Protein backbone atom coordinates (compact mmCIF):
# COMPACT_ATOMS: atom_id res chain seq x y z
CA MET A 1 6.82 1.62 -10.67
CA LYS A 2 9.63 4.38 -10.07
CA LEU A 3 8.45 7.71 -9.72
CA SER A 4 10.14 11.28 -9.11
CA ALA A 5 7.01 11.87 -6.69
CA ARG A 6 7.15 11.33 -3.32
CA ASN A 7 3.66 11.71 -2.23
CA VAL A 8 2.16 8.32 -2.89
CA LEU A 9 -0.92 6.70 -1.44
CA LYS A 10 -1.64 3.37 -1.66
CA GLY A 11 -5.46 2.59 -1.84
CA LYS A 12 -8.69 0.97 -3.15
CA VAL A 13 -10.96 2.54 -5.40
CA ILE A 14 -14.54 3.08 -3.44
CA GLY A 15 -16.55 4.68 -5.75
CA ILE A 16 -16.73 6.21 -9.49
CA ASP A 17 -18.71 9.28 -10.95
CA LYS A 18 -18.73 9.14 -14.74
CA GLY A 19 -19.95 12.18 -16.58
CA LYS A 20 -19.28 12.73 -20.44
CA VAL A 21 -15.86 13.70 -20.53
CA THR A 22 -14.19 13.04 -16.73
CA ALA A 23 -14.75 10.80 -13.91
CA ILE A 24 -14.53 11.38 -10.19
CA VAL A 25 -12.59 8.63 -8.67
CA ARG A 26 -12.72 8.22 -4.77
CA ILE A 27 -9.85 6.38 -3.40
CA GLY A 28 -9.78 4.94 0.28
CA ILE A 29 -6.56 5.21 1.70
CA GLY A 30 -7.36 3.88 5.33
CA GLY A 31 -8.45 5.47 8.53
CA GLY A 32 -11.67 6.76 6.92
CA ALA A 33 -9.60 8.88 4.69
CA VAL A 34 -10.39 9.51 1.07
CA VAL A 35 -8.54 11.01 -1.82
CA THR A 36 -10.81 12.31 -4.75
CA SER A 37 -9.06 12.58 -8.37
CA SER A 38 -10.56 13.83 -11.92
CA ILE A 39 -9.60 11.95 -14.62
CA THR A 40 -10.58 11.59 -18.30
CA MET A 41 -12.87 9.04 -19.22
CA ALA A 42 -10.10 7.60 -21.73
CA ALA A 43 -7.71 7.19 -18.79
CA LEU A 44 -10.60 5.39 -16.47
CA LYS A 45 -11.01 3.12 -19.59
CA ASP A 46 -7.12 2.64 -19.90
CA LEU A 47 -6.67 1.60 -16.72
CA LYS A 48 -9.80 -0.40 -16.33
CA LEU A 49 -10.58 1.32 -12.99
CA LYS A 50 -13.74 -0.20 -11.40
CA LYS A 51 -14.78 -0.36 -7.49
CA GLY A 52 -12.40 -2.39 -5.65
CA SER A 53 -9.34 -1.37 -7.88
CA ASP A 54 -6.16 -1.24 -5.81
CA VAL A 55 -4.37 1.97 -6.96
CA HIS A 56 -1.59 4.38 -6.01
CA ALA A 57 -2.68 8.18 -5.77
CA ILE A 58 0.44 10.28 -6.88
CA ILE A 59 0.31 13.72 -5.61
CA LYS A 60 2.56 16.25 -7.37
CA ALA A 61 2.26 19.74 -6.44
CA SER A 62 4.61 22.79 -6.54
CA GLU A 63 2.67 24.41 -3.57
CA VAL A 64 0.94 23.71 -0.52
CA LEU A 65 -1.82 25.95 0.65
CA LEU A 66 -2.53 26.28 4.48
CA GLY A 67 -5.59 27.87 5.93
CA VAL A 68 -6.54 28.88 9.47
CA ASP A 69 -9.90 29.66 11.14
CA ASP A 70 -10.19 33.44 12.20
């Protein structure tokens, strides 16, 4: 798999919450860190995702927002 995105995190599906149209997929990426993705139910089925599936979280963003405590 070759991508233009540089933020690719390898992980494992640790949970899936299914809705009518979308699913929330939680991906453990190590060290207790979790990335969450909202995908369509069609994509969930097409990718054959289930708990324990190996996946790559691909993050492509045009900007990064930062915040600090006052």
